[in-house]
Protein backbone atom coordinates (compact mmCIF):
# COMPACT_ATOMS: atom_id res chain seq x y z
CA UNK A 1 -5.26 13.40 -4.95
CA UNK A 2 -9.00 13.63 -4.62
CA UNK A 3 -10.72 13.59 -1.24
CA UNK A 4 -13.61 11.11 -1.32
CA UNK A 5 -14.65 11.04 2.35
CA UNK A 6 -13.00 13.42 4.83
CA UNK A 7 -12.77 13.03 8.61
CA UNK A 8 -13.48 9.34 9.03
CA UNK A 9 -13.95 7.99 12.55
CA UNK A 10 -10.67 6.40 13.65
CA UNK A 11 -12.13 3.35 15.45
CA UNK A 12 -13.40 1.48 12.36
CA UNK A 13 -10.04 2.16 10.70
CA UNK A 14 -8.24 0.61 13.70
CA UNK A 15 -10.35 -2.51 13.34
CA UNK A 16 -9.86 -2.67 9.58
CA UNK A 17 -6.08 -2.29 9.93
CA UNK A 18 -5.84 -4.92 12.65
CA UNK A 19 -8.07 -7.41 10.81
CA UNK A 20 -6.20 -7.06 7.54
CA UNK A 21 -2.68 -7.68 8.73
CA UNK A 22 -1.45 -10.93 7.24
CA UNK A 23 -2.57 -13.53 9.80
CA UNK A 24 0.51 -15.77 9.95
CA UNK A 25 3.09 -13.03 10.00
CA UNK A 26 4.43 -11.18 12.96
CA UNK A 27 5.62 -7.98 11.36
CA UNK A 28 7.18 -5.84 14.06
CA UNK A 29 7.02 -2.71 11.91
CA UNK A 30 3.30 -3.12 11.19
CA UNK A 31 2.55 -3.93 14.83
CA UNK A 32 4.52 -0.89 16.04
CA UNK A 33 2.70 1.44 13.65
CA UNK A 34 -0.68 -0.04 14.57
CA UNK A 35 0.08 0.49 18.27
CA UNK A 36 0.94 4.15 17.62
CA UNK A 37 -2.29 4.52 15.62
CA UNK A 38 -4.27 2.91 18.45
CA UNK A 39 -2.84 5.24 21.10
CA UNK A 40 -3.07 8.62 19.37
CA UNK A 41 -5.67 10.62 17.53
CA UNK A 42 -5.12 11.05 13.80
CA UNK A 43 -7.05 12.69 11.03
CA UNK A 44 -8.23 10.01 8.59
CA UNK A 45 -9.60 10.69 5.10
CA UNK A 46 -10.51 8.39 2.25
CA UNK A 47 -8.71 9.65 -0.88
CA UNK A 48 -8.30 8.56 -4.46
CA UNK A 49 -4.97 8.72 -6.24
CA UNK A 50 -4.12 8.49 -9.91
CA UNK A 51 -0.92 8.32 -11.97
CA UNK A 52 -0.10 11.98 -11.32
CA UNK A 53 0.32 11.16 -7.60
CA UNK A 54 2.72 8.22 -8.02
CA UNK A 55 5.94 10.29 -7.89
CA UNK A 56 4.85 11.66 -4.50
CA UNK A 57 4.43 8.29 -2.79
CA UNK A 58 7.45 6.45 -1.39
CA UNK A 59 7.29 2.81 -0.37
CA UNK A 60 9.10 1.10 2.48
CA UNK A 61 12.14 -1.00 1.68
CA UNK A 62 11.42 -4.63 0.86
CA UNK A 63 14.21 -7.19 1.16
CA UNK A 64 12.88 -10.47 -0.12
CA UNK A 65 14.38 -12.24 -3.12
CA UNK A 66 11.10 -12.10 -5.02
CA UNK A 67 11.02 -8.29 -4.93
CA UNK A 68 14.02 -6.40 -3.64
CA UNK A 69 13.51 -2.65 -3.32
CA UNK A 70 15.69 -0.15 -1.53
CA UNK A 71 14.11 2.51 0.64
CA UNK A 72 12.74 5.65 -0.97
CA UNK A 73 11.45 3.83 -4.07
CA UNK A 74 8.44 5.74 -5.37
CA UNK A 75 5.26 4.10 -6.56
CA UNK A 76 6.06 5.43 -10.06
CA UNK A 77 9.46 3.70 -9.98
CA UNK A 78 7.91 0.43 -8.79
CA UNK A 79 5.35 0.58 -11.60
CA UNK A 80 8.11 1.22 -14.17
CA UNK A 81 10.07 -1.73 -12.80
CA UNK A 82 7.17 -4.03 -13.59
CA UNK A 83 6.36 -2.47 -16.96
CA UNK A 84 9.77 -3.43 -18.30
CA UNK A 85 9.01 -7.12 -18.03
CA UNK A 86 9.86 -7.95 -14.45
CA UNK A 87 6.46 -9.31 -13.54
CA UNK A 88 6.28 -11.92 -10.80
CA UNK A 89 6.40 -15.64 -11.22
CA UNK A 90 3.38 -16.63 -9.18
CA UNK A 91 4.10 -20.31 -9.76
CA UNK A 92 6.90 -20.31 -7.19
CA UNK A 93 5.45 -20.28 -3.71
CA UNK A 94 6.78 -18.29 -0.81
CA UNK A 95 4.99 -15.98 1.62
CA UNK A 96 5.75 -12.86 -0.38
CA UNK A 97 4.48 -14.28 -3.68
CA UNK A 98 1.47 -15.87 -1.99
CA UNK A 99 0.52 -12.57 -0.43
CA UNK A 100 0.89 -10.59 -3.62
CA UNK A 101 -1.06 -13.20 -5.60
CA UNK A 102 -3.88 -13.08 -3.04
CA UNK A 103 -3.98 -9.28 -3.21
CA UNK A 104 -3.75 -9.27 -7.01
CA UNK A 105 -6.82 -11.50 -7.10
CA UNK A 106 -8.56 -9.09 -4.70
CA UNK A 107 -7.92 -6.26 -7.17
CA UNK A 108 -9.25 -8.46 -10.00
CA UNK A 109 -12.51 -8.96 -8.12
CA UNK A 110 -12.77 -5.26 -7.23
CA UNK A 111 -12.12 -4.19 -10.85
CA UNK A 112 -15.15 -6.14 -12.04
CA UNK A 113 -17.41 -4.11 -9.74
CA UNK A 114 -16.01 -0.55 -9.66
CA UNK A 115 -14.23 2.07 -11.76
CA UNK A 116 -11.51 2.29 -9.10
CA UNK A 117 -9.51 -0.18 -7.03
CA UNK A 118 -9.28 -0.44 -3.26
CA UNK A 119 -6.97 -2.69 -1.29
CA UNK A 120 -7.66 -4.58 1.91
CA UNK A 121 -6.06 -1.80 3.98
CA UNK A 122 -3.77 0.76 2.39
CA UNK A 123 -2.69 4.14 3.67
CA UNK A 124 -0.55 7.18 2.98
CA UNK A 125 0.91 9.43 5.65
CA UNK A 126 3.22 12.36 6.24
CA UNK A 127 3.41 11.42 9.91
CA UNK A 128 6.92 10.16 10.67
CA UNK A 129 5.71 7.92 13.48
CA UNK A 130 3.54 5.91 11.08
CA UNK A 131 6.29 5.57 8.51
CA UNK A 132 8.74 2.69 8.50
CA UNK A 133 11.31 4.78 6.62
CA UNK A 134 14.68 5.25 8.28
CA UNK A 135 15.06 8.77 6.92
CA UNK A 136 12.43 11.43 6.47
CA UNK A 137 13.91 13.47 3.65
CA UNK A 138 11.10 12.82 1.21
CA UNK A 139 8.55 15.62 0.86
CA UNK A 140 5.71 13.40 -0.38
CA UNK A 141 3.77 10.63 1.32
CA UNK A 142 5.06 7.52 3.03
CA UNK A 143 3.19 4.27 3.21
CA UNK A 144 3.18 0.84 4.72
CA UNK A 145 1.35 -1.93 2.91
CA UNK A 146 4.24 -2.74 0.55
CA UNK A 147 2.67 -5.97 -0.70
CA UNK A 148 -0.63 -4.27 -1.49
CA UNK A 149 1.12 -1.52 -3.47
CA UNK A 150 3.15 -4.18 -5.30
CA UNK A 151 -0.03 -6.12 -6.13
CA UNK A 152 -1.69 -2.90 -7.32
CA UNK A 153 1.34 -2.11 -9.51
CA UNK A 154 1.28 -5.65 -10.95
CA UNK A 155 -2.44 -5.37 -11.58
CA UNK A 156 -2.29 -2.09 -13.50
CA UNK A 157 0.79 -3.34 -15.39
CA UNK A 158 -1.11 -6.33 -16.73
CA UNK A 159 -4.57 -4.79 -17.05
CA UNK A 160 -5.70 -1.20 -17.41
CA UNK A 161 -5.09 1.77 -15.18
CA UNK A 162 -7.71 2.34 -12.51
CA UNK A 163 -7.35 4.91 -9.73
CA UNK A 164 -6.76 3.68 -6.20
CA UNK A 165 -8.73 4.56 -3.07
CA UNK A 166 -6.95 4.41 0.24
CA UNK A 167 -6.69 6.16 3.58
CA UNK A 168 -4.72 9.32 4.21
CA UNK A 169 -3.67 9.31 7.88
CA UNK A 170 -2.02 12.35 9.47
């Protein structure tokens, strides 16, 4: 993990997080974590991750038919899942697929401009309050933003690897 910009002011990150939640969804987990972030002071850094970091990042569980993942799935495991031919069928429309397609296209646009990718709002944390995980046994980093990590995994599975910039919040 490479630190790109340390000690970022928390207020613009609050606004970015709030503005980039999916507008027609009322995700209680995301809203709860955002409320915690709004009411406490956290250290926020912009970091860049590459493939060597993927085993140290665990994603929240995702229980939709399109992508079903148990809790404690690492980013490396998600990427391997898609590399073995389980790429999404974007033709079928549901909220999950629509979201991932939208984010995939965002990564496409970003890739044409930069040597790295950056999502709409993505973060890593070791802070248990900001994690949606039910257990905290993992020694690495937790994240929210499942759909953005899925879109990123799809993108690098079908294109080339590019490192990812996101926020580290602790």
